[in-house]
Amino acid sequence: MDKKTLSRDGTPIAYERTGRGPAVVLVSGAMSTGHTVAPLAGQLSDGFTVVVYDRRGRGESGDTLPYAVQREVEDLAALIEAVGGQAALYGISSGSALALEAAASGLPVSKVAVYEPPFAVYEGGAQERAEYTERLTQALAEGRRGDAVELFLRLTGLAEEMIQGARQSPIWPGMESIAQSLAYDNAVMGDGLVPRHRLAAITVPVLAVAGGESPAWLREAAQAVAEAAPEGAYRSLEGQTHMVDPQVLAAVLAEFYAP
């Protein structure tokens, strides 16, 4: 990241901007940094000024305790101000929840697109999230970062043998290093259910996108977001999964963000 801006509480937020045109800020999900969404930024940079950033508590950005979701909203406010005072937002996975909350909070946002917000729309979803929250909080409080990462990977549905394989891989230390940020994403997700009352407060267009090959509940969650937002729309990308092809997604986003 080659630039930094200070959030309202003084936390430095690292970011990069590429391209020219209307500003779009990309919000990454859990266990990721701004570099995770950099390929999408490259696909959008022909027509937009695209901003990728490290969310607080990860990458090159700072962190200030105690954490609050409002601090992450203020981080986005600082970024938007740094790139001209208005921007569209894109969020993937739990980053979707943050992008939607920022828009509901009244930030100078022109449009919001989200990809597979992982809200629980299935029976028992709220209980599952409550149990995850309890176990995650305990693991982090006891300094069991690896266990916290395992809890998250199980929540995503990753098979046990793949989790154990990841634990032996070279990427594991990096995952453990930002394990504390799992609590931040969990807070952003609230009780894990679709935040219909907050979505109803969004006054700009919202596009919720899901992969046609993704689990049915993720597609249903995206549809629920589109239905709850006053100017919401839903789009399914044929053949795509949660690991969406940046080129395929960029074409849809460019059309949506066009002035």
C-alpha atoms as a PDB file:
ATOM      1  CA  MET A   1       0.000   0.000   0.000  1.00  0.00           C
ATOM      2  CA  ASP A   2       1.497   3.361  -0.991  1.00  0.00           C
ATOM      3  CA  LYS A   3      -0.831   5.766   0.818  1.00  0.00           C
ATOM      4  CA  LYS A   4      -2.312   6.214   4.272  1.00  0.00           C
ATOM      5  CA  THR A   5      -5.170   8.253   5.631  1.00  0.00           C
ATOM      6  CA  LEU A   6      -6.126   8.802   9.268  1.00  0.00           C
ATOM      7  CA  SER A   7      -9.499   7.621  10.475  1.00  0.00           C
ATOM      8  CA  ARG A   8     -11.477   9.689  12.951  1.00  0.00           C
ATOM      9  CA  ASP A   9      -9.893   7.919  15.942  1.00  0.00           C
ATOM     10  CA  GLY A  10      -6.381   8.452  14.575  1.00  0.00           C
ATOM     11  CA  THR A  11      -5.891   4.955  13.201  1.00  0.00           C
ATOM     12  CA  PRO A  12      -3.799   4.947   9.994  1.00  0.00           C
ATOM     13  CA  ILE A  13      -5.557   3.168   7.136  1.00  0.00           C
ATOM     14  CA  ALA A  14      -3.326   1.989   4.287  1.00  0.00           C
ATOM     15  CA  TYR A  15      -4.696   2.130   0.753  1.00  0.00           C
ATOM     16  CA  GLU A  16      -3.859   2.208  -2.941  1.00  0.00           C
ATOM     17  CA  ARG A  17      -5.703   3.888  -5.789  1.00  0.00           C
ATOM     18  CA  THR A  18      -5.512   3.000  -9.465  1.00  0.00           C
ATOM     19  CA  GLY A  19      -7.259   4.111 -12.632  1.00  0.00           C
ATOM     20  CA  ARG A  20      -9.265   7.178 -13.525  1.00  0.00           C
ATOM     21  CA  GLY A  21     -12.934   8.026 -13.309  1.00  0.00           C
ATOM     22  CA  PRO A  22     -15.621   7.839 -10.597  1.00  0.00           C
ATOM     23  CA  ALA A  23     -14.301   6.450  -7.314  1.00  0.00           C
ATOM     24  CA  VAL A  24     -15.066   2.901  -6.170  1.00  0.00           C
ATOM     25  CA  VAL A  25     -13.833   1.544  -2.823  1.00  0.00           C
ATOM     26  CA  LEU A  26     -13.418  -2.244  -2.559  1.00  0.00           C
ATOM     27  CA  VAL A  27     -14.061  -3.800   0.872  1.00  0.00           C
ATOM     28  CA  SER A  28     -12.468  -7.202   1.503  1.00  0.00           C
ATOM     29  CA  GLY A  29     -13.920  -9.959   3.652  1.00  0.00           C
ATOM     30  CA  ALA A  30     -12.612 -11.973   6.577  1.00  0.00           C
ATOM     31  CA  MET A  31      -9.011 -13.224   6.722  1.00  0.00           C
ATOM     32  CA  SER A  32      -7.994 -10.962   3.852  1.00  0.00           C
ATOM     33  CA  THR A  33      -6.289  -7.671   3.052  1.00  0.00           C
ATOM     34  CA  GLY A  34      -6.606  -5.151   0.274  1.00  0.00           C
ATOM     35  CA  HIS A  35      -4.389  -7.316  -1.903  1.00  0.00           C
ATOM     36  CA  THR A  36      -7.153  -9.928  -2.000  1.00  0.00           C
ATOM     37  CA  VAL A  37      -9.364  -7.660  -4.104  1.00  0.00           C
ATOM     38  CA  ALA A  38      -6.506  -6.156  -6.146  1.00  0.00           C
ATOM     39  CA  PRO A  39      -7.256  -8.377  -9.195  1.00  0.00           C
ATOM     40  CA  LEU A  40     -10.779  -6.942  -9.320  1.00  0.00           C
ATOM     41  CA  ALA A  41      -9.340  -3.429  -9.011  1.00  0.00           C
ATOM     42  CA  GLY A  42      -7.187  -4.106 -12.045  1.00  0.00           C
ATOM     43  CA  GLN A  43     -10.229  -5.126 -14.057  1.00  0.00           C
ATOM     44  CA  LEU A  44     -12.149  -1.963 -13.100  1.00  0.00           C
ATOM     45  CA  SER A  45      -9.337   0.579 -13.385  1.00  0.00           C
ATOM     46  CA  ASP A  46      -9.964   1.420 -17.048  1.00  0.00           C
ATOM     47  CA  GLY A  47     -13.145   3.287 -16.195  1.00  0.00           C
ATOM     48  CA  PHE A  48     -12.923   4.022 -12.481  1.00  0.00           C
ATOM     49  CA  THR A  49     -10.624   5.277  -9.757  1.00  0.00           C
ATOM     50  CA  VAL A  50     -10.467   2.094  -7.713  1.00  0.00           C
ATOM     51  CA  VAL A  51      -9.385   2.061  -4.074  1.00  0.00           C
ATOM     52  CA  VAL A  52      -8.222  -1.058  -2.252  1.00  0.00           C
ATOM     53  CA  TYR A  53      -7.319  -0.841   1.423  1.00  0.00           C
ATOM     54  CA  ASP A  54      -6.284  -2.883   4.416  1.00  0.00           C
ATOM     55  CA  ARG A  55      -9.096  -2.952   6.931  1.00  0.00           C
ATOM     56  CA  ARG A  56      -8.004  -2.030  10.454  1.00  0.00           C
ATOM     57  CA  GLY A  57      -6.166  -4.746  12.314  1.00  0.00           C
ATOM     58  CA  ARG A  58      -4.634  -6.294   9.212  1.00  0.00           C
ATOM     59  CA  GLY A  59      -2.000  -5.645   6.567  1.00  0.00           C
ATOM     60  CA  GLU A  60      -0.344  -2.237   6.782  1.00  0.00           C
ATOM     61  CA  SER A  61      -3.222  -0.490   8.566  1.00  0.00           C
ATOM     62  CA  GLY A  62      -3.174   0.231  12.273  1.00  0.00           C
ATOM     63  CA  ASP A  63      -5.589  -0.792  14.977  1.00  0.00           C
ATOM     64  CA  THR A  64      -7.071   1.005  17.957  1.00  0.00           C
ATOM     65  CA  LEU A  65      -8.885  -0.738  20.776  1.00  0.00           C
ATOM     66  CA  PRO A  66     -11.609  -1.170  21.752  1.00  0.00           C
ATOM     67  CA  TYR A  67     -13.037  -2.195  18.396  1.00  0.00           C
ATOM     68  CA  ALA A  68     -16.441  -0.990  17.218  1.00  0.00           C
ATOM     69  CA  VAL A  69     -18.177  -1.412  13.873  1.00  0.00           C
ATOM     70  CA  GLN A  70     -18.636   2.354  13.748  1.00  0.00           C
ATOM     71  CA  ARG A  71     -14.830   2.732  13.641  1.00  0.00           C
ATOM     72  CA  GLU A  72     -14.741   0.719  10.418  1.00  0.00           C
ATOM     73  CA  VAL A  73     -17.499   2.893   9.000  1.00  0.00           C
ATOM     74  CA  GLU A  74     -15.355   5.911   9.895  1.00  0.00           C
ATOM     75  CA  ASP A  75     -12.421   4.262   8.097  1.00  0.00           C
ATOM     76  CA  LEU A  76     -14.515   4.182   4.936  1.00  0.00           C
ATOM     77  CA  ALA A  77     -15.561   7.795   5.491  1.00  0.00           C
ATOM     78  CA  ALA A  78     -11.882   8.796   5.636  1.00  0.00           C
ATOM     79  CA  LEU A  79     -11.103   6.882   2.458  1.00  0.00           C
ATOM     80  CA  ILE A  80     -14.024   8.417   0.598  1.00  0.00           C
ATOM     81  CA  GLU A  81     -12.923  11.873   1.689  1.00  0.00           C
ATOM     82  CA  ALA A  82      -9.366  11.114   0.528  1.00  0.00           C
ATOM     83  CA  VAL A  83     -10.551  10.297  -2.995  1.00  0.00           C
ATOM     84  CA  GLY A  84     -12.869  13.239  -3.563  1.00  0.00           C
ATOM     85  CA  GLY A  85     -15.769  13.098  -1.132  1.00  0.00           C
ATOM     86  CA  GLN A  86     -18.041  10.561  -2.837  1.00  0.00           C
ATOM     87  CA  ALA A  87     -17.603   6.958  -3.933  1.00  0.00           C
ATOM     88  CA  ALA A  88     -19.395   3.768  -4.812  1.00  0.00           C
ATOM     89  CA  LEU A  89     -18.738   0.735  -2.614  1.00  0.00           C
ATOM     90  CA  TYR A  90     -18.167  -2.937  -3.299  1.00  0.00           C
ATOM     91  CA  GLY A  91     -18.008  -5.568  -0.572  1.00  0.00           C
ATOM     92  CA  ILE A  92     -17.369  -9.302  -0.749  1.00  0.00           C
ATOM     93  CA  SER A  93     -18.531 -11.832   1.836  1.00  0.00           C
ATOM     94  CA  SER A  94     -18.466 -10.233   5.318  1.00  0.00           C
ATOM     95  CA  GLY A  95     -17.082  -7.075   3.683  1.00  0.00           C
ATOM     96  CA  SER A  96     -20.546  -6.827   2.137  1.00  0.00           C
ATOM     97  CA  ALA A  97     -22.066  -6.293   5.562  1.00  0.00           C
ATOM     98  CA  LEU A  98     -19.637  -3.445   6.226  1.00  0.00           C
ATOM     99  CA  ALA A  99     -20.325  -1.800   2.866  1.00  0.00           C
ATOM    100  CA  LEU A 100     -24.076  -2.010   3.465  1.00  0.00           C
ATOM    101  CA  GLU A 101     -23.751  -0.616   6.993  1.00  0.00           C
ATOM    102  CA  ALA A 102     -21.665   2.287   5.692  1.00  0.00           C
ATOM    103  CA  ALA A 103     -24.367   3.143   3.170  1.00  0.00           C
ATOM    104  CA  ALA A 104     -27.096   2.825   5.806  1.00  0.00           C
ATOM    105  CA  SER A 105     -25.082   5.161   8.055  1.00  0.00           C
ATOM    106  CA  GLY A 106     -25.427   7.952   5.530  1.00  0.00           C
ATOM    107  CA  LEU A 107     -21.878   8.108   4.150  1.00  0.00           C
ATOM    108  CA  PRO A 108     -21.567   9.924   0.788  1.00  0.00           C
ATOM    109  CA  VAL A 109     -22.003   6.723  -1.188  1.00  0.00           C
ATOM    110  CA  SER A 110     -23.458   6.710  -4.702  1.00  0.00           C
ATOM    111  CA  LYS A 111     -24.107   2.969  -5.171  1.00  0.00           C
ATOM    112  CA  VAL A 112     -23.352  -0.280  -3.328  1.00  0.00           C
ATOM    113  CA  ALA A 113     -22.621  -3.677  -4.856  1.00  0.00           C
ATOM    114  CA  VAL A 114     -22.092  -6.787  -2.734  1.00  0.00           C
ATOM    115  CA  TYR A 115     -21.033 -10.323  -3.556  1.00  0.00           C
ATOM    116  CA  GLU A 116     -22.448 -13.181  -1.499  1.00  0.00           C
ATOM    117  CA  PRO A 117     -23.074 -11.532   1.877  1.00  0.00           C
ATOM    118  CA  PRO A 118     -23.011 -14.560   4.227  1.00  0.00           C
ATOM    119  CA  PHE A 119     -26.156 -13.816   6.191  1.00  0.00           C
ATOM    120  CA  ALA A 120     -27.831 -16.883   7.682  1.00  0.00           C
ATOM    121  CA  VAL A 121     -31.152 -17.407   5.915  1.00  0.00           C
ATOM    122  CA  TYR A 122     -31.463 -21.059   6.890  1.00  0.00           C
ATOM    123  CA  GLU A 123     -33.122 -22.684   9.913  1.00  0.00           C
ATOM    124  CA  GLY A 124     -30.843 -22.628  12.930  1.00  0.00           C
ATOM    125  CA  GLY A 125     -28.620 -19.947  11.433  1.00  0.00           C
ATOM    126  CA  ALA A 126     -28.974 -17.531  14.334  1.00  0.00           C
ATOM    127  CA  GLN A 127     -28.076 -20.240  16.856  1.00  0.00           C
ATOM    128  CA  GLU A 128     -25.078 -21.285  14.779  1.00  0.00           C
ATOM    129  CA  ARG A 129     -23.793 -17.709  14.727  1.00  0.00           C
ATOM    130  CA  ALA A 130     -24.328 -17.316  18.479  1.00  0.00           C
ATOM    131  CA  GLU A 131     -22.322 -20.467  19.189  1.00  0.00           C
ATOM    132  CA  TYR A 132     -19.566 -19.358  16.826  1.00  0.00           C
ATOM    133  CA  THR A 133     -19.407 -15.968  18.545  1.00  0.00           C
ATOM    134  CA  GLU A 134     -19.047 -17.577  21.976  1.00  0.00           C
ATOM    135  CA  ARG A 135     -16.320 -19.985  20.879  1.00  0.00           C
ATOM    136  CA  LEU A 136     -14.445 -17.370  18.850  1.00  0.00           C
ATOM    137  CA  THR A 137     -14.468 -14.895  21.730  1.00  0.00           C
ATOM    138  CA  GLN A 138     -13.105 -17.518  24.105  1.00  0.00           C
ATOM    139  CA  ALA A 139     -10.387 -18.696  21.721  1.00  0.00           C
ATOM    140  CA  LEU A 140      -9.133 -15.171  21.097  1.00  0.00           C
ATOM    141  CA  ALA A 141      -9.279 -14.260  24.788  1.00  0.00           C
ATOM    142  CA  GLU A 142      -7.081 -17.277  25.551  1.00  0.00           C
ATOM    143  CA  GLY A 143      -4.645 -16.455  22.761  1.00  0.00           C
ATOM    144  CA  ARG A 144      -5.563 -19.545  20.738  1.00  0.00           C
ATOM    145  CA  ARG A 145      -5.258 -17.864  17.360  1.00  0.00           C
ATOM    146  CA  GLY A 146      -4.995 -21.099  15.405  1.00  0.00           C
ATOM    147  CA  ASP A 147      -8.159 -22.431  17.002  1.00  0.00           C
ATOM    148  CA  ALA A 148      -9.930 -19.171  16.125  1.00  0.00           C
ATOM    149  CA  VAL A 149      -8.957 -19.573  12.479  1.00  0.00           C
ATOM    150  CA  GLU A 150     -10.158 -23.189  12.545  1.00  0.00           C
ATOM    151  CA  LEU A 151     -13.523 -22.078  13.939  1.00  0.00           C
ATOM    152  CA  PHE A 152     -13.923 -19.615  11.115  1.00  0.00           C
ATOM    153  CA  LEU A 153     -12.976 -22.132   8.445  1.00  0.00           C
ATOM    154  CA  ARG A 154     -15.511 -24.599   9.842  1.00  0.00           C
ATOM    155  CA  LEU A 155     -18.162 -21.875   9.779  1.00  0.00           C
ATOM    156  CA  THR A 156     -17.501 -21.421   6.060  1.00  0.00           C
ATOM    157  CA  GLY A 157     -18.115 -25.117   5.510  1.00  0.00           C
ATOM    158  CA  LEU A 158     -14.538 -26.124   4.729  1.00  0.00           C
ATOM    159  CA  ALA A 159     -13.956 -29.863   5.129  1.00  0.00           C
ATOM    160  CA  GLU A 160     -11.982 -30.974   8.176  1.00  0.00           C
ATOM    161  CA  GLU A 161      -9.184 -32.522   6.144  1.00  0.00           C
ATOM    162  CA  MET A 162      -8.758 -29.263   4.235  1.00  0.00           C
ATOM    163  CA  ILE A 163      -8.607 -27.309   7.497  1.00  0.00           C
ATOM    164  CA  GLN A 164      -5.894 -29.573   8.840  1.00  0.00           C
ATOM    165  CA  GLY A 165      -4.057 -29.299   5.535  1.00  0.00           C
ATOM    166  CA  ALA A 166      -4.219 -25.519   5.738  1.00  0.00           C
ATOM    167  CA  ARG A 167      -2.811 -25.652   9.261  1.00  0.00           C
ATOM    168  CA  GLN A 168       0.309 -27.359   7.899  1.00  0.00           C
ATOM    169  CA  SER A 169       0.671 -24.995   4.940  1.00  0.00           C
ATOM    170  CA  PRO A 170       2.962 -21.942   4.578  1.00  0.00           C
ATOM    171  CA  ILE A 171      -0.025 -19.571   4.640  1.00  0.00           C
ATOM    172  CA  TRP A 172      -1.097 -20.561   8.166  1.00  0.00           C
ATOM    173  CA  PRO A 173       1.188 -18.162  10.106  1.00  0.00           C
ATOM    174  CA  GLY A 174      -0.195 -15.267   8.094  1.00  0.00           C
ATOM    175  CA  MET A 175      -3.736 -16.359   8.872  1.00  0.00           C
ATOM    176  CA  GLU A 176      -2.952 -16.605  12.572  1.00  0.00           C
ATOM    177  CA  SER A 177      -1.376 -13.135  12.509  1.00  0.00           C
ATOM    178  CA  ILE A 178      -4.720 -11.514  11.641  1.00  0.00           C
ATOM    179  CA  ALA A 179      -6.923 -13.894  13.638  1.00  0.00           C
ATOM    180  CA  GLN A 180      -7.980 -11.048  15.954  1.00  0.00           C
ATOM    181  CA  SER A 181      -9.732  -9.424  12.989  1.00  0.00           C
ATOM    182  CA  LEU A 182     -12.138 -12.379  12.879  1.00  0.00           C
ATOM    183  CA  ALA A 183     -13.844 -10.772  15.868  1.00  0.00           C
ATOM    184  CA  TYR A 184     -14.209  -7.593  13.820  1.00  0.00           C
ATOM    185  CA  ASP A 185     -15.870  -9.367  10.910  1.00  0.00           C
ATOM    186  CA  ASN A 186     -18.094 -11.212  13.348  1.00  0.00           C
ATOM    187  CA  ALA A 187     -19.183  -7.904  14.873  1.00  0.00           C
ATOM    188  CA  VAL A 188     -19.896  -6.485  11.422  1.00  0.00           C
ATOM    189  CA  MET A 189     -22.150  -9.488  10.743  1.00  0.00           C
ATOM    190  CA  GLY A 190     -24.229  -8.723  13.847  1.00  0.00           C
ATOM    191  CA  ASP A 191     -26.479 -11.641  14.783  1.00  0.00           C
ATOM    192  CA  GLY A 192     -25.788 -13.197  11.396  1.00  0.00           C
ATOM    193  CA  LEU A 193     -29.282 -12.567  10.041  1.00  0.00           C
ATOM    194  CA  VAL A 194     -30.232 -10.238   7.189  1.00  0.00           C
ATOM    195  CA  PRO A 195     -30.280  -6.714   8.748  1.00  0.00           C
ATOM    196  CA  ARG A 196     -33.547  -5.739   7.101  1.00  0.00           C
ATOM    197  CA  HIS A 197     -34.098  -2.581   9.164  1.00  0.00           C
ATOM    198  CA  ARG A 198     -30.647  -1.252   8.234  1.00  0.00           C
ATOM    199  CA  LEU A 199     -31.052  -2.185   4.594  1.00  0.00           C
ATOM    200  CA  ALA A 200     -34.354  -0.297   4.528  1.00  0.00           C
ATOM    201  CA  ALA A 201     -32.416   2.856   5.445  1.00  0.00           C
ATOM    202  CA  ILE A 202     -30.198   2.736   2.340  1.00  0.00           C
ATOM    203  CA  THR A 203     -31.281   5.421  -0.110  1.00  0.00           C
ATOM    204  CA  VAL A 204     -28.986   4.528  -3.031  1.00  0.00           C
ATOM    205  CA  PRO A 205     -29.086   1.633  -5.529  1.00  0.00           C
ATOM    206  CA  VAL A 206     -27.904  -1.739  -4.192  1.00  0.00           C
ATOM    207  CA  LEU A 207     -26.821  -4.653  -6.379  1.00  0.00           C
ATOM    208  CA  ALA A 208     -26.514  -8.038  -4.684  1.00  0.00           C
ATOM    209  CA  VAL A 209     -24.639 -10.649  -6.711  1.00  0.00           C
ATOM    210  CA  ALA A 210     -24.109 -14.383  -6.196  1.00  0.00           C
ATOM    211  CA  GLY A 211     -22.489 -17.196  -8.119  1.00  0.00           C
ATOM    212  CA  GLY A 212     -24.790 -19.632  -9.879  1.00  0.00           C
ATOM    213  CA  GLU A 213     -22.684 -22.541  -8.598  1.00  0.00           C
ATOM    214  CA  SER A 214     -22.474 -21.277  -5.004  1.00  0.00           C
ATOM    215  CA  PRO A 215     -24.469 -22.920  -2.193  1.00  0.00           C
ATOM    216  CA  ALA A 216     -28.180 -22.155  -2.339  1.00  0.00           C
ATOM    217  CA  TRP A 217     -28.126 -20.302   1.000  1.00  0.00           C
ATOM    218  CA  LEU A 218     -25.606 -17.766  -0.294  1.00  0.00           C
ATOM    219  CA  ARG A 219     -27.766 -17.095  -3.330  1.00  0.00           C
ATOM    220  CA  GLU A 220     -30.810 -16.764  -1.084  1.00  0.00           C
ATOM    221  CA  ALA A 221     -28.962 -14.360   1.203  1.00  0.00           C
ATOM    222  CA  ALA A 222     -28.077 -12.135  -1.736  1.00  0.00           C
ATOM    223  CA  GLN A 223     -31.683 -12.209  -2.914  1.00  0.00           C
ATOM    224  CA  ALA A 224     -32.876 -11.277   0.578  1.00  0.00           C
ATOM    225  CA  VAL A 225     -30.537  -8.265   0.630  1.00  0.00           C
ATOM    226  CA  ALA A 226     -31.841  -7.118  -2.745  1.00  0.00           C
ATOM    227  CA  GLU A 227     -35.428  -7.468  -1.570  1.00  0.00           C
ATOM    228  CA  ALA A 228     -34.839  -5.551   1.676  1.00  0.00           C
ATOM    229  CA  ALA A 229     -33.069  -2.569   0.098  1.00  0.00           C
ATOM    230  CA  PRO A 230     -35.499   0.032  -1.337  1.00  0.00           C
ATOM    231  CA  GLU A 231     -33.542   0.200  -4.608  1.00  0.00           C
ATOM    232  CA  GLY A 232     -32.202  -3.335  -4.569  1.00  0.00           C
ATOM    233  CA  ALA A 233     -31.532  -5.690  -7.462  1.00  0.00           C
ATOM    234  CA  TYR A 234     -30.207  -9.244  -7.654  1.00  0.00           C
ATOM    235  CA  ARG A 235     -27.890 -10.817 -10.202  1.00  0.00           C
ATOM    236  CA  SER A 236     -26.676 -14.396 -10.530  1.00  0.00           C
ATOM    237  CA  LEU A 237     -23.412 -15.107 -12.355  1.00  0.00           C
ATOM    238  CA  GLU A 238     -23.602 -18.388 -14.239  1.00  0.00           C
ATOM    239  CA  GLY A 239     -20.843 -20.837 -13.446  1.00  0.00           C
ATOM    240  CA  GLN A 240     -19.347 -18.766 -10.631  1.00  0.00           C
ATOM    241  CA  THR A 241     -18.682 -19.705  -7.005  1.00  0.00           C
ATOM    242  CA  HIS A 242     -17.607 -17.735  -3.908  1.00  0.00           C
ATOM    243  CA  MET A 243     -14.163 -17.543  -5.552  1.00  0.00           C
ATOM    244  CA  VAL A 244     -15.566 -15.385  -8.330  1.00  0.00           C
ATOM    245  CA  ASP A 245     -13.636 -14.643 -11.537  1.00  0.00           C
ATOM    246  CA  PRO A 246     -12.638 -10.946 -11.302  1.00  0.00           C
ATOM    247  CA  GLN A 247     -13.131 -10.423 -15.049  1.00  0.00           C
ATOM    248  CA  VAL A 248     -16.658 -11.814 -15.004  1.00  0.00           C
ATOM    249  CA  LEU A 249     -17.594  -9.800 -11.929  1.00  0.00           C
ATOM    250  CA  ALA A 250     -15.987  -6.588 -13.194  1.00  0.00           C
ATOM    251  CA  ALA A 251     -18.192  -6.542 -16.283  1.00  0.00           C
ATOM    252  CA  VAL A 252     -21.308  -6.605 -14.106  1.00  0.00           C
ATOM    253  CA  LEU A 253     -19.964  -4.009 -11.678  1.00  0.00           C
ATOM    254  CA  ALA A 254     -18.854  -1.635 -14.428  1.00  0.00           C
ATOM    255  CA  GLU A 255     -22.362  -1.645 -15.860  1.00  0.00           C
ATOM    256  CA  PHE A 256     -23.887  -1.021 -12.435  1.00  0.00           C
ATOM    257  CA  TYR A 257     -21.455   1.742 -11.441  1.00  0.00           C
ATOM    258  CA  ALA A 258     -21.657   3.585 -14.760  1.00  0.00           C
ATOM    259  CA  PRO A 259     -22.850   7.189 -14.199  1.00  0.00           C
END
